[in-house]
PDB file of N, CA and C in Angstrom:
ATOM      1  N   MET A   1      83.102 101.424  91.810  1.00  0.00           N
ATOM      2  CA  MET A   1      83.284 101.230  93.224  1.00  0.00           C
ATOM      3  C   MET A   1      83.556  99.747  93.492  1.00  0.00           C
ATOM      4  N   ILE A   2      84.348  99.456  94.469  1.00  0.00           N
ATOM      5  CA  ILE A   2      84.731  98.143  94.845  1.00  0.00           C
ATOM      6  C   ILE A   2      83.596  97.384  95.427  1.00  0.00           C
ATOM      7  N   ASP A   3      83.421  96.101  95.035  1.00  0.00           N
ATOM      8  CA  ASP A   3      82.412  95.201  95.594  1.00  0.00           C
ATOM      9  C   ASP A   3      82.952  94.638  96.887  1.00  0.00           C
ATOM     10  N   PHE A   4      82.594  95.261  97.998  1.00  0.00           N
ATOM     11  CA  PHE A   4      83.063  94.846  99.332  1.00  0.00           C
ATOM     12  C   PHE A   4      82.570  93.521  99.794  1.00  0.00           C
ATOM     13  N   ASN A   5      81.624  92.918  99.028  1.00  0.00           N
ATOM     14  CA  ASN A   5      81.093  91.580  99.391  1.00  0.00           C
ATOM     15  C   ASN A   5      81.972  90.520  98.827  1.00  0.00           C
ATOM     16  N   ASN A   6      82.899  90.882  97.859  1.00  0.00           N
ATOM     17  CA  ASN A   6      83.786  89.945  97.302  1.00  0.00           C
ATOM     18  C   ASN A   6      84.978  89.707  98.159  1.00  0.00           C
ATOM     19  N   LYS A   7      84.984  88.589  98.950  1.00  0.00           N
ATOM     20  CA  LYS A   7      86.057  88.355  99.903  1.00  0.00           C
ATOM     21  C   LYS A   7      87.429  88.186  99.317  1.00  0.00           C
ATOM     22  N   GLY A   8      87.522  87.727  98.019  1.00  0.00           N
ATOM     23  CA  GLY A   8      88.821  87.571  97.427  1.00  0.00           C
ATOM     24  C   GLY A   8      89.652  88.823  97.375  1.00  0.00           C
ATOM     25  N   PHE A   9      89.047  89.970  97.400  1.00  0.00           N
ATOM     26  CA  PHE A   9      89.768  91.226  97.387  1.00  0.00           C
ATOM     27  C   PHE A   9      90.451  91.504  98.691  1.00  0.00           C
ATOM     28  N   PHE A  10      89.924  90.966  99.781  1.00  0.00           N
ATOM     29  CA  PHE A  10      90.292  91.344 101.085  1.00  0.00           C
ATOM     30  C   PHE A  10      91.317  90.509 101.833  1.00  0.00           C
ATOM     31  N   LYS A  11      91.944  89.526 101.189  1.00  0.00           N
ATOM     32  CA  LYS A  11      93.060  88.810 101.857  1.00  0.00           C
ATOM     33  C   LYS A  11      94.308  89.614 101.606  1.00  0.00           C
ATOM     34  N   LEU A  12      94.575  90.470 102.573  1.00  0.00           N
ATOM     35  CA  LEU A  12      95.663  91.523 102.328  1.00  0.00           C
ATOM     36  C   LEU A  12      96.913  91.208 103.175  1.00  0.00           C
ATOM     37  N   LYS A  13      98.046  91.503 102.545  1.00  0.00           N
ATOM     38  CA  LYS A  13      99.326  91.368 103.157  1.00  0.00           C
ATOM     39  C   LYS A  13     100.113  92.706 103.074  1.00  0.00           C
ATOM     40  N   GLN A  14     100.818  93.026 104.123  1.00  0.00           N
ATOM     41  CA  GLN A  14     101.516  94.292 104.158  1.00  0.00           C
ATOM     42  C   GLN A  14     102.435  94.379 102.958  1.00  0.00           C
ATOM     43  N   ASN A  15     102.377  95.581 102.300  1.00  0.00           N
ATOM     44  CA  ASN A  15     103.151  95.812 101.079  1.00  0.00           C
ATOM     45  C   ASN A  15     103.157  97.321 100.858  1.00  0.00           C
ATOM     46  N   ASP A  16     104.332  97.929 100.609  1.00  0.00           N
ATOM     47  CA  ASP A  16     104.405  99.333 100.395  1.00  0.00           C
ATOM     48  C   ASP A  16     104.046  99.838  98.998  1.00  0.00           C
ATOM     49  N   GLU A  17     103.856  98.886  98.081  1.00  0.00           N
ATOM     50  CA  GLU A  17     103.576  99.273  96.674  1.00  0.00           C
ATOM     51  C   GLU A  17     102.411 100.132  96.516  1.00  0.00           C
ATOM     52  N   TYR A  18     101.314  99.907  97.255  1.00  0.00           N
ATOM     53  CA  TYR A  18     100.098 100.738  97.121  1.00  0.00           C
ATOM     54  C   TYR A  18     100.183 102.098  97.767  1.00  0.00           C
ATOM     55  N   ALA A  19     101.087 102.276  98.745  1.00  0.00           N
ATOM     56  CA  ALA A  19     101.309 103.555  99.315  1.00  0.00           C
ATOM     57  C   ALA A  19     101.838 104.475  98.284  1.00  0.00           C
ATOM     58  N   GLN A  20     102.709 104.004  97.406  1.00  0.00           N
ATOM     59  CA  GLN A  20     103.217 104.822  96.323  1.00  0.00           C
ATOM     60  C   GLN A  20     102.209 105.153  95.218  1.00  0.00           C
ATOM     61  N   ARG A  21     101.263 104.221  95.058  1.00  0.00           N
ATOM     62  CA  ARG A  21     100.289 104.433  93.945  1.00  0.00           C
ATOM     63  C   ARG A  21      99.269 105.501  94.310  1.00  0.00           C
ATOM     64  N   VAL A  22      99.087 105.863  95.640  1.00  0.00           N
ATOM     65  CA  VAL A  22      98.072 106.832  95.975  1.00  0.00           C
ATOM     66  C   VAL A  22      98.627 108.176  96.433  1.00  0.00           C
ATOM     67  N   THR A  23      99.952 108.354  96.307  1.00  0.00           N
ATOM     68  CA  THR A  23     100.538 109.600  96.781  1.00  0.00           C
ATOM     69  C   THR A  23      99.933 110.834  96.160  1.00  0.00           C
ATOM     70  N   GLU A  24      99.566 110.808  94.887  1.00  0.00           N
ATOM     71  CA  GLU A  24      98.941 111.930  94.265  1.00  0.00           C
ATOM     72  C   GLU A  24      97.520 112.292  94.791  1.00  0.00           C
ATOM     73  N   LEU A  25      96.891 111.322  95.425  1.00  0.00           N
ATOM     74  CA  LEU A  25      95.553 111.483  96.028  1.00  0.00           C
ATOM     75  C   LEU A  25      95.545 112.030  97.396  1.00  0.00           C
ATOM     76  N   LEU A  26      96.732 112.072  98.047  1.00  0.00           N
ATOM     77  CA  LEU A  26      96.772 112.485  99.391  1.00  0.00           C
ATOM     78  C   LEU A  26      96.537 113.964  99.594  1.00  0.00           C
ATOM     79  N   LEU A  27      95.845 114.358 100.662  1.00  0.00           N
ATOM     80  CA  LEU A  27      95.560 115.748 101.008  1.00  0.00           C
ATOM     81  C   LEU A  27      96.761 116.344 101.731  1.00  0.00           C
ATOM     82  N   ASP A  28      96.767 117.664 101.855  1.00  0.00           N
ATOM     83  CA  ASP A  28      97.804 118.326 102.655  1.00  0.00           C
ATOM     84  C   ASP A  28      97.676 117.819 104.100  1.00  0.00           C
ATOM     85  N   GLY A  29      98.798 117.407 104.630  1.00  0.00           N
ATOM     86  CA  GLY A  29      98.790 116.878 106.044  1.00  0.00           C
ATOM     87  C   GLY A  29      98.391 115.456 106.182  1.00  0.00           C
ATOM     88  N   GLU A  30      98.059 114.819 105.035  1.00  0.00           N
ATOM     89  CA  GLU A  30      97.652 113.425 105.128  1.00  0.00           C
ATOM     90  C   GLU A  30      98.850 112.529 104.955  1.00  0.00           C
ATOM     91  N   GLU A  31      99.004 111.529 105.834  1.00  0.00           N
ATOM     92  CA  GLU A  31     100.145 110.649 105.811  1.00  0.00           C
ATOM     93  C   GLU A  31      99.692 109.170 105.812  1.00  0.00           C
ATOM     94  N   VAL A  32     100.485 108.353 105.072  1.00  0.00           N
ATOM     95  CA  VAL A  32     100.151 106.880 105.036  1.00  0.00           C
ATOM     96  C   VAL A  32     100.593 106.262 106.350  1.00  0.00           C
ATOM     97  N   ILE A  33      99.674 105.440 106.936  1.00  0.00           N
ATOM     98  CA  ILE A  33      99.971 104.691 108.128  1.00  0.00           C
ATOM     99  C   ILE A  33     100.563 103.365 107.691  1.00  0.00           C
ATOM    100  N   ASP A  34      99.883 102.718 106.735  1.00  0.00           N
ATOM    101  CA  ASP A  34     100.353 101.424 106.253  1.00  0.00           C
ATOM    102  C   ASP A  34      99.593 101.075 104.968  1.00  0.00           C
ATOM    103  N   SER A  35     100.148 100.133 104.188  1.00  0.00           N
ATOM    104  CA  SER A  35      99.413  99.716 102.977  1.00  0.00           C
ATOM    105  C   SER A  35      99.529  98.255 102.833  1.00  0.00           C
ATOM    106  N   TYR A  36      98.552  97.677 102.181  1.00  0.00           N
ATOM    107  CA  TYR A  36      98.388  96.230 102.040  1.00  0.00           C
ATOM    108  C   TYR A  36      97.964  95.906 100.610  1.00  0.00           C
ATOM    109  N   LYS A  37      98.312  94.699 100.185  1.00  0.00           N
ATOM    110  CA  LYS A  37      98.088  94.243  98.826  1.00  0.00           C
ATOM    111  C   LYS A  37      97.491  92.837  98.871  1.00  0.00           C
ATOM    112  N   SER A  38      96.562  92.597  97.979  1.00  0.00           N
ATOM    113  CA  SER A  38      96.055  91.222  97.691  1.00  0.00           C
ATOM    114  C   SER A  38      96.687  90.866  96.362  1.00  0.00           C
ATOM    115  N   MET A  39      96.068  89.975  95.577  1.00  0.00           N
ATOM    116  CA  MET A  39      96.643  89.547  94.300  1.00  0.00           C
ATOM    117  C   MET A  39      96.923  90.766  93.418  1.00  0.00           C
ATOM    118  N   ARG A  40      95.909  91.615  93.108  1.00  0.00           N
ATOM    119  CA  ARG A  40      96.113  92.800  92.284  1.00  0.00           C
ATOM    120  C   ARG A  40      95.656  94.037  92.964  1.00  0.00           C
ATOM    121  N   ASP A  41      94.681  93.947  93.931  1.00  0.00           N
ATOM    122  CA  ASP A  41      94.175  95.146  94.570  1.00  0.00           C
ATOM    123  C   ASP A  41      94.900  95.459  95.826  1.00  0.00           C
ATOM    124  N   GLY A  42      94.591  96.628  96.370  1.00  0.00           N
ATOM    125  CA  GLY A  42      95.276  97.076  97.600  1.00  0.00           C
ATOM    126  C   GLY A  42      94.412  98.007  98.408  1.00  0.00           C
ATOM    127  N   VAL A  43      94.926  98.199  99.662  1.00  0.00           N
ATOM    128  CA  VAL A  43      94.236  99.133 100.596  1.00  0.00           C
ATOM    129  C   VAL A  43      95.361  99.895 101.277  1.00  0.00           C
ATOM    130  N   VAL A  44      95.086 101.227 101.391  1.00  0.00           N
ATOM    131  CA  VAL A  44      96.058 102.097 102.041  1.00  0.00           C
ATOM    132  C   VAL A  44      95.293 102.819 103.179  1.00  0.00           C
ATOM    133  N   PHE A  45      95.865 102.746 104.390  1.00  0.00           N
ATOM    134  CA  PHE A  45      95.353 103.402 105.550  1.00  0.00           C
ATOM    135  C   PHE A  45      96.126 104.664 105.728  1.00  0.00           C
ATOM    136  N   THR A  46      95.484 105.798 105.804  1.00  0.00           N
ATOM    137  CA  THR A  46      96.141 107.059 106.086  1.00  0.00           C
ATOM    138  C   THR A  46      95.651 107.571 107.446  1.00  0.00           C
ATOM    139  N   ASN A  47      96.113 108.720 107.887  1.00  0.00           N
ATOM    140  CA  ASN A  47      95.704 109.266 109.113  1.00  0.00           C
ATOM    141  C   ASN A  47      94.301 109.950 108.941  1.00  0.00           C
ATOM    142  N   LYS A  48      93.712 109.969 107.777  1.00  0.00           N
ATOM    143  CA  LYS A  48      92.387 110.540 107.587  1.00  0.00           C
ATOM    144  C   LYS A  48      91.360 109.620 106.960  1.00  0.00           C
ATOM    145  N   ARG A  49      91.765 108.604 106.252  1.00  0.00           N
ATOM    146  CA  ARG A  49      90.859 107.756 105.532  1.00  0.00           C
ATOM    147  C   ARG A  49      91.505 106.422 105.141  1.00  0.00           C
ATOM    148  N   ILE A  50      90.653 105.608 104.558  1.00  0.00           N
ATOM    149  CA  ILE A  50      91.074 104.338 103.903  1.00  0.00           C
ATOM    150  C   ILE A  50      90.915 104.552 102.416  1.00  0.00           C
ATOM    151  N   ILE A  51      91.954 104.196 101.648  1.00  0.00           N
ATOM    152  CA  ILE A  51      91.834 104.300 100.181  1.00  0.00           C
ATOM    153  C   ILE A  51      91.938 102.812  99.619  1.00  0.00           C
ATOM    154  N   ALA A  52      90.883 102.361  99.084  1.00  0.00           N
ATOM    155  CA  ALA A  52      90.881 101.011  98.491  1.00  0.00           C
ATOM    156  C   ALA A  52      91.119 101.133  96.958  1.00  0.00           C
ATOM    157  N   VAL A  53      92.038 100.290  96.459  1.00  0.00           N
ATOM    158  CA  VAL A  53      92.438 100.438  95.095  1.00  0.00           C
ATOM    159  C   VAL A  53      92.046  99.034  94.372  1.00  0.00           C
ATOM    160  N   ASN A  54      91.134  99.214  93.391  1.00  0.00           N
ATOM    161  CA  ASN A  54      90.682  98.064  92.657  1.00  0.00           C
ATOM    162  C   ASN A  54      91.324  98.081  91.227  1.00  0.00           C
ATOM    163  N   VAL A  55      92.210  97.131  90.950  1.00  0.00           N
ATOM    164  CA  VAL A  55      92.827  97.124  89.665  1.00  0.00           C
ATOM    165  C   VAL A  55      91.886  96.357  88.721  1.00  0.00           C
ATOM    166  N   GLN A  56      91.614  96.957  87.556  1.00  0.00           N
ATOM    167  CA  GLN A  56      90.641  96.337  86.636  1.00  0.00           C
ATOM    168  C   GLN A  56      91.269  96.070  85.279  1.00  0.00           C
ATOM    169  N   GLY A  57      90.654  95.176  84.528  1.00  0.00           N
ATOM    170  CA  GLY A  57      91.047  94.913  83.191  1.00  0.00           C
ATOM    171  C   GLY A  57      92.245  93.903  83.135  1.00  0.00           C
ATOM    172  N   ILE A  58      92.469  93.412  81.989  1.00  0.00           N
ATOM    173  CA  ILE A  58      93.511  92.386  81.750  1.00  0.00           C
ATOM    174  C   ILE A  58      94.886  92.962  82.004  1.00  0.00           C
ATOM    175  N   THR A  59      95.120  94.155  81.532  1.00  0.00           N
ATOM    176  CA  THR A  59      96.449  94.736  81.682  1.00  0.00           C
ATOM    177  C   THR A  59      96.631  95.396  83.066  1.00  0.00           C
ATOM    178  N   GLY A  60      95.616  95.697  83.757  1.00  0.00           N
ATOM    179  CA  GLY A  60      95.667  96.367  85.046  1.00  0.00           C
ATOM    180  C   GLY A  60      95.963  97.852  84.976  1.00  0.00           C
ATOM    181  N   SER A  61      95.795  98.418  83.837  1.00  0.00           N
ATOM    182  CA  SER A  61      96.122  99.849  83.678  1.00  0.00           C
ATOM    183  C   SER A  61      94.973 100.730  84.177  1.00  0.00           C
ATOM    184  N   LYS A  62      93.789 100.173  84.283  1.00  0.00           N
ATOM    185  CA  LYS A  62      92.638 100.900  84.793  1.00  0.00           C
ATOM    186  C   LYS A  62      92.411 100.562  86.276  1.00  0.00           C
ATOM    187  N   LYS A  63      92.238 101.642  87.048  1.00  0.00           N
ATOM    188  CA  LYS A  63      92.161 101.468  88.530  1.00  0.00           C
ATOM    189  C   LYS A  63      91.022 102.270  89.059  1.00  0.00           C
ATOM    190  N   ASP A  64      90.365 101.702  90.051  1.00  0.00           N
ATOM    191  CA  ASP A  64      89.254 102.406  90.802  1.00  0.00           C
ATOM    192  C   ASP A  64      89.768 102.707  92.176  1.00  0.00           C
ATOM    193  N   PHE A  65      89.708 104.001  92.576  1.00  0.00           N
ATOM    194  CA  PHE A  65      90.146 104.403  93.910  1.00  0.00           C
ATOM    195  C   PHE A  65      88.887 104.725  94.709  1.00  0.00           C
ATOM    196  N   THR A  66      88.642 104.050  95.836  1.00  0.00           N
ATOM    197  CA  THR A  66      87.505 104.339  96.677  1.00  0.00           C
ATOM    198  C   THR A  66      88.028 104.917  98.023  1.00  0.00           C
ATOM    199  N   SER A  67      87.523 106.118  98.348  1.00  0.00           N
ATOM    200  CA  SER A  67      87.913 106.786  99.580  1.00  0.00           C
ATOM    201  C   SER A  67      86.892 106.551 100.626  1.00  0.00           C
ATOM    202  N   LEU A  68      87.330 106.103 101.763  1.00  0.00           N
ATOM    203  CA  LEU A  68      86.434 105.751 102.913  1.00  0.00           C
ATOM    204  C   LEU A  68      86.958 106.602 104.133  1.00  0.00           C
ATOM    205  N   PRO A  69      86.368 107.810 104.320  1.00  0.00           N
ATOM    206  CA  PRO A  69      86.820 108.699 105.398  1.00  0.00           C
ATOM    207  C   PRO A  69      86.472 108.147 106.787  1.00  0.00           C
ATOM    208  N   TYR A  70      87.426 108.219 107.713  1.00  0.00           N
ATOM    209  CA  TYR A  70      87.192 107.759 109.046  1.00  0.00           C
ATOM    210  C   TYR A  70      85.966 108.504 109.749  1.00  0.00           C
ATOM    211  N   LYS A  71      85.735 109.769 109.329  1.00  0.00           N
ATOM    212  CA  LYS A  71      84.650 110.548 109.941  1.00  0.00           C
ATOM    213  C   LYS A  71      83.265 109.923 109.710  1.00  0.00           C
ATOM    214  N   ASN A  72      83.117 109.052 108.720  1.00  0.00           N
ATOM    215  CA  ASN A  72      81.901 108.431 108.388  1.00  0.00           C
ATOM    216  C   ASN A  72      81.650 107.070 109.105  1.00  0.00           C
ATOM    217  N   ILE A  73      82.644 106.681 109.916  1.00  0.00           N
ATOM    218  CA  ILE A  73      82.562 105.424 110.601  1.00  0.00           C
ATOM    219  C   ILE A  73      81.725 105.556 111.873  1.00  0.00           C
ATOM    220  N   VAL A  74      80.793 104.583 112.111  1.00  0.00           N
ATOM    221  CA  VAL A  74      79.972 104.638 113.254  1.00  0.00           C
ATOM    222  C   VAL A  74      80.364 103.572 114.281  1.00  0.00           C
ATOM    223  N   ALA A  75      81.006 102.488 113.823  1.00  0.00           N
ATOM    224  CA  ALA A  75      81.446 101.380 114.681  1.00  0.00           C
ATOM    225  C   ALA A  75      82.518 100.579 113.954  1.00  0.00           C
ATOM    226  N   TYR A  76      83.323  99.861 114.708  1.00  0.00           N
ATOM    227  CA  TYR A  76      84.282  98.913 114.061  1.00  0.00           C
ATOM    228  C   TYR A  76      84.657  97.819 115.042  1.00  0.00           C
ATOM    229  N   SER A  77      85.114  96.750 114.420  1.00  0.00           N
ATOM    230  CA  SER A  77      85.552  95.589 115.218  1.00  0.00           C
ATOM    231  C   SER A  77      86.850  95.066 114.699  1.00  0.00           C
ATOM    232  N   VAL A  78      87.762  94.695 115.628  1.00  0.00           N
ATOM    233  CA  VAL A  78      89.075  94.133 115.270  1.00  0.00           C
ATOM    234  C   VAL A  78      89.171  92.720 115.841  1.00  0.00           C
ATOM    235  N   GLU A  79      89.648  91.827 115.029  1.00  0.00           N
ATOM    236  CA  GLU A  79      89.992  90.479 115.481  1.00  0.00           C
ATOM    237  C   GLU A  79      91.464  90.299 115.200  1.00  0.00           C
ATOM    238  N   THR A  80      92.240  90.086 116.240  1.00  0.00           N
ATOM    239  CA  THR A  80      93.670  90.008 116.129  1.00  0.00           C
ATOM    240  C   THR A  80      94.035  88.514 115.770  1.00  0.00           C
ATOM    241  N   SER A  81      95.246  88.383 115.300  1.00  0.00           N
ATOM    242  CA  SER A  81      95.728  87.025 115.051  1.00  0.00           C
ATOM    243  C   SER A  81      96.117  86.275 116.289  1.00  0.00           C
ATOM    244  N   GLY A  82      96.104  84.933 116.211  1.00  0.00           N
ATOM    245  CA  GLY A  82      96.332  84.100 117.362  1.00  0.00           C
ATOM    246  C   GLY A  82      97.553  83.269 117.151  1.00  0.00           C
ATOM    247  N   THR A  83      97.765  82.262 117.922  1.00  0.00           N
ATOM    248  CA  THR A  83      98.948  81.402 117.837  1.00  0.00           C
ATOM    249  C   THR A  83      98.945  80.585 116.623  1.00  0.00           C
ATOM    250  N   PHE A  84      97.840  79.969 116.243  1.00  0.00           N
ATOM    251  CA  PHE A  84      97.709  79.098 115.110  1.00  0.00           C
ATOM    252  C   PHE A  84      96.973  79.788 113.962  1.00  0.00           C
ATOM    253  N   ASP A  85      96.097  80.717 114.256  1.00  0.00           N
ATOM    254  CA  ASP A  85      95.402  81.434 113.224  1.00  0.00           C
ATOM    255  C   ASP A  85      96.120  82.829 113.061  1.00  0.00           C
ATOM    256  N   LEU A  86      96.953  82.953 111.976  1.00  0.00           N
ATOM    257  CA  LEU A  86      97.731  84.153 111.763  1.00  0.00           C
ATOM    258  C   LEU A  86      96.948  85.295 111.118  1.00  0.00           C
ATOM    259  N   ASP A  87      95.724  85.038 110.726  1.00  0.00           N
ATOM    260  CA  ASP A  87      94.893  86.032 110.053  1.00  0.00           C
ATOM    261  C   ASP A  87      94.261  86.995 111.068  1.00  0.00           C
ATOM    262  N   SER A  88      94.124  88.242 110.740  1.00  0.00           N
ATOM    263  CA  SER A  88      93.288  89.171 111.515  1.00  0.00           C
ATOM    264  C   SER A  88      92.276  89.834 110.635  1.00  0.00           C
ATOM    265  N   GLU A  89      91.243  90.403 111.274  1.00  0.00           N
ATOM    266  CA  GLU A  89      90.183  90.991 110.514  1.00  0.00           C
ATOM    267  C   GLU A  89      89.783  92.358 111.158  1.00  0.00           C
ATOM    268  N   LEU A  90      89.357  93.220 110.224  1.00  0.00           N
ATOM    269  CA  LEU A  90      88.794  94.533 110.605  1.00  0.00           C
ATOM    270  C   LEU A  90      87.494  94.703 109.931  1.00  0.00           C
ATOM    271  N   GLU A  91      86.427  94.872 110.716  1.00  0.00           N
ATOM    272  CA  GLU A  91      85.121  95.168 110.207  1.00  0.00           C
ATOM    273  C   GLU A  91      84.746  96.587 110.572  1.00  0.00           C
ATOM    274  N   ILE A  92      84.363  97.383 109.554  1.00  0.00           N
ATOM    275  CA  ILE A  92      84.038  98.815 109.791  1.00  0.00           C
ATOM    276  C   ILE A  92      82.605  99.046 109.337  1.00  0.00           C
ATOM    277  N   TYR A  93      81.803  99.708 110.087  1.00  0.00           N
ATOM    278  CA  TYR A  93      80.473 100.129 109.757  1.00  0.00           C
ATOM    279  C   TYR A  93      80.389 101.607 109.418  1.00  0.00           C
ATOM    280  N   PHE A  94      80.056 101.941 108.165  1.00  0.00           N
ATOM    281  CA  PHE A  94      79.973 103.281 107.710  1.00  0.00           C
ATOM    282  C   PHE A  94      78.499 103.736 107.738  1.00  0.00           C
ATOM    283  N   SER A  95      78.317 105.001 108.054  1.00  0.00           N
ATOM    284  CA  SER A  95      76.945 105.567 108.203  1.00  0.00           C
ATOM    285  C   SER A  95      76.086 105.366 106.997  1.00  0.00           C
ATOM    286  N   SER A  96      76.532 105.496 105.762  1.00  0.00           N
ATOM    287  CA  SER A  96      75.742 105.359 104.612  1.00  0.00           C
ATOM    288  C   SER A  96      76.061 104.177 103.728  1.00  0.00           C
ATOM    289  N   LEU A  97      77.242 103.569 103.903  1.00  0.00           N
ATOM    290  CA  LEU A  97      77.703 102.472 103.126  1.00  0.00           C
ATOM    291  C   LEU A  97      77.319 101.071 103.648  1.00  0.00           C
ATOM    292  N   GLY A  98      77.363 100.918 104.992  1.00  0.00           N
ATOM    293  CA  GLY A  98      77.153  99.732 105.640  1.00  0.00           C
ATOM    294  C   GLY A  98      78.526  99.122 106.026  1.00  0.00           C
ATOM    295  N   LYS A  99      78.577  97.812 106.121  1.00  0.00           N
ATOM    296  CA  LYS A  99      79.781  97.089 106.640  1.00  0.00           C
ATOM    297  C   LYS A  99      80.792  96.876 105.504  1.00  0.00           C
ATOM    298  N   VAL A 100      82.112  97.107 105.876  1.00  0.00           N
ATOM    299  CA  VAL A 100      83.217  96.773 105.034  1.00  0.00           C
ATOM    300  C   VAL A 100      84.137  95.923 105.833  1.00  0.00           C
ATOM    301  N   LYS A 101      84.545  94.818 105.285  1.00  0.00           N
ATOM    302  CA  LYS A 101      85.413  93.828 106.003  1.00  0.00           C
ATOM    303  C   LYS A 101      86.729  93.681 105.309  1.00  0.00           C
ATOM    304  N   PHE A 102      87.811  93.793 106.055  1.00  0.00           N
ATOM    305  CA  PHE A 102      89.141  93.565 105.565  1.00  0.00           C
ATOM    306  C   PHE A 102      89.763  92.366 106.310  1.00  0.00           C
ATOM    307  N   GLU A 103      90.357  91.429 105.555  1.00  0.00           N
ATOM    308  CA  GLU A 103      91.036  90.302 106.161  1.00  0.00           C
ATOM    309  C   GLU A 103      92.497  90.373 105.850  1.00  0.00           C
ATOM    310  N   PHE A 104      93.373  90.268 106.865  1.00  0.00           N
ATOM    311  CA  PHE A 104      94.795  90.452 106.727  1.00  0.00           C
ATOM    312  C   PHE A 104      95.521  89.176 107.041  1.00  0.00           C
ATOM    313  N   THR A 105      96.608  88.941 106.339  1.00  0.00           N
ATOM    314  CA  THR A 105      97.521  87.852 106.636  1.00  0.00           C
ATOM    315  C   THR A 105      98.903  88.487 107.007  1.00  0.00           C
ATOM    316  N   GLY A 106      99.586  87.819 107.869  1.00  0.00           N
ATOM    317  CA  GLY A 106     100.919  88.314 108.206  1.00  0.00           C
ATOM    318  C   GLY A 106     100.870  89.559 109.094  1.00  0.00           C
ATOM    319  N   LYS A 107     101.960  90.344 109.068  1.00  0.00           N
ATOM    320  CA  LYS A 107     102.112  91.519 109.875  1.00  0.00           C
ATOM    321  C   LYS A 107     101.074  92.580 109.512  1.00  0.00           C
ATOM    322  N   THR A 108     100.423  93.138 110.545  1.00  0.00           N
ATOM    323  CA  THR A 108      99.498  94.256 110.370  1.00  0.00           C
ATOM    324  C   THR A 108      99.675  95.255 111.486  1.00  0.00           C
ATOM    325  N   SER A 109      99.318  96.451 111.204  1.00  0.00           N
ATOM    326  CA  SER A 109      99.409  97.553 112.161  1.00  0.00           C
ATOM    327  C   SER A 109      98.015  97.804 112.759  1.00  0.00           C
ATOM    328  N   MET A 110      97.376  96.743 113.274  1.00  0.00           N
ATOM    329  CA  MET A 110      96.007  96.875 113.735  1.00  0.00           C
ATOM    330  C   MET A 110      95.866  97.880 114.844  1.00  0.00           C
ATOM    331  N   VAL A 111      96.816  97.877 115.768  1.00  0.00           N
ATOM    332  CA  VAL A 111      96.729  98.792 116.942  1.00  0.00           C
ATOM    333  C   VAL A 111      96.765 100.256 116.416  1.00  0.00           C
ATOM    334  N   GLU A 112      97.743 100.558 115.564  1.00  0.00           N
ATOM    335  CA  GLU A 112      97.814 101.973 114.989  1.00  0.00           C
ATOM    336  C   GLU A 112      96.573 102.334 114.193  1.00  0.00           C
ATOM    337  N   ILE A 113      96.087 101.385 113.363  1.00  0.00           N
ATOM    338  CA  ILE A 113      94.917 101.724 112.571  1.00  0.00           C
ATOM    339  C   ILE A 113      93.730 101.922 113.511  1.00  0.00           C
ATOM    340  N   SER A 114      93.601 101.119 114.515  1.00  0.00           N
ATOM    341  CA  SER A 114      92.455 101.263 115.520  1.00  0.00           C
ATOM    342  C   SER A 114      92.475 102.633 116.188  1.00  0.00           C
ATOM    343  N   LYS A 115      93.683 103.062 116.497  1.00  0.00           N
ATOM    344  CA  LYS A 115      93.868 104.410 117.097  1.00  0.00           C
ATOM    345  C   LYS A 115      93.307 105.504 116.261  1.00  0.00           C
ATOM    346  N   TYR A 116      93.588 105.511 114.981  1.00  0.00           N
ATOM    347  CA  TYR A 116      93.110 106.525 114.043  1.00  0.00           C
ATOM    348  C   TYR A 116      91.596 106.458 113.875  1.00  0.00           C
ATOM    349  N   ILE A 117      91.064 105.246 113.813  1.00  0.00           N
ATOM    350  CA  ILE A 117      89.636 105.070 113.682  1.00  0.00           C
ATOM    351  C   ILE A 117      88.933 105.612 114.948  1.00  0.00           C
ATOM    352  N   SER A 118      89.455 105.208 116.104  1.00  0.00           N
ATOM    353  CA  SER A 118      88.902 105.667 117.391  1.00  0.00           C
ATOM    354  C   SER A 118      88.947 107.124 117.576  1.00  0.00           C
ATOM    355  N   LYS A 119      89.948 107.757 117.038  1.00  0.00           N
ATOM    356  CA  LYS A 119      90.127 109.225 117.157  1.00  0.00           C
ATOM    357  C   LYS A 119      88.932 109.959 116.568  1.00  0.00           C
ATOM    358  N   TYR A 120      88.391 109.406 115.470  1.00  0.00           N
ATOM    359  CA  TYR A 120      87.271 110.012 114.821  1.00  0.00           C
ATOM    360  C   TYR A 120      85.888 109.646 115.377  1.00  0.00           C
ATOM    361  N   LEU A 121      85.872 108.537 116.224  1.00  0.00           N
ATOM    362  CA  LEU A 121      84.658 108.123 116.774  1.00  0.00           C
ATOM    363  C   LEU A 121      84.301 108.873 118.044  1.00  0.00           C
ATOM    364  N   PHE A 122      85.307 109.385 118.765  1.00  0.00           N
ATOM    365  CA  PHE A 122      85.075 109.965 120.050  1.00  0.00           C
ATOM    366  C   PHE A 122      85.447 111.457 120.055  1.00  0.00           C
TER     367      PHE A 122
END
C-alpha cells in the first residue's frame, strides 16, 4: 500500500499515461475522469473511486494499485490555485484509512473531481 504520508508522491501533474495503465482494473460502467503523474507514481480519478499507482523497484516493473472508493469518504477539502501559487490541494478523509492528501501542479479538474466526491457524500 502507498505511504500517504510521503509528500514526494503527491506533487501531481495532469498526464494521460496512468489512465491507460489502469484500464484493466476498471469496472463495468466505470470511466476515467482525469489522471495525474508525479516522478514515477500516478493517481487516476474515475467516476467511482481513486486509483493510486505506486511504481516500485529500480526497473519500475512492479506496481502497487491502491483503490480508494468514494463511498468511504466522510469529508474532503479542496484548495484551488491562485494568481501566484499555481498549486492546488485535495485532502480526503476516509472512514477507516484517515486523511489522504494530494498536491497538484498545473491544470487540474478539481471542480469535476469535487462533484463526484460530493455525489457519494450526500
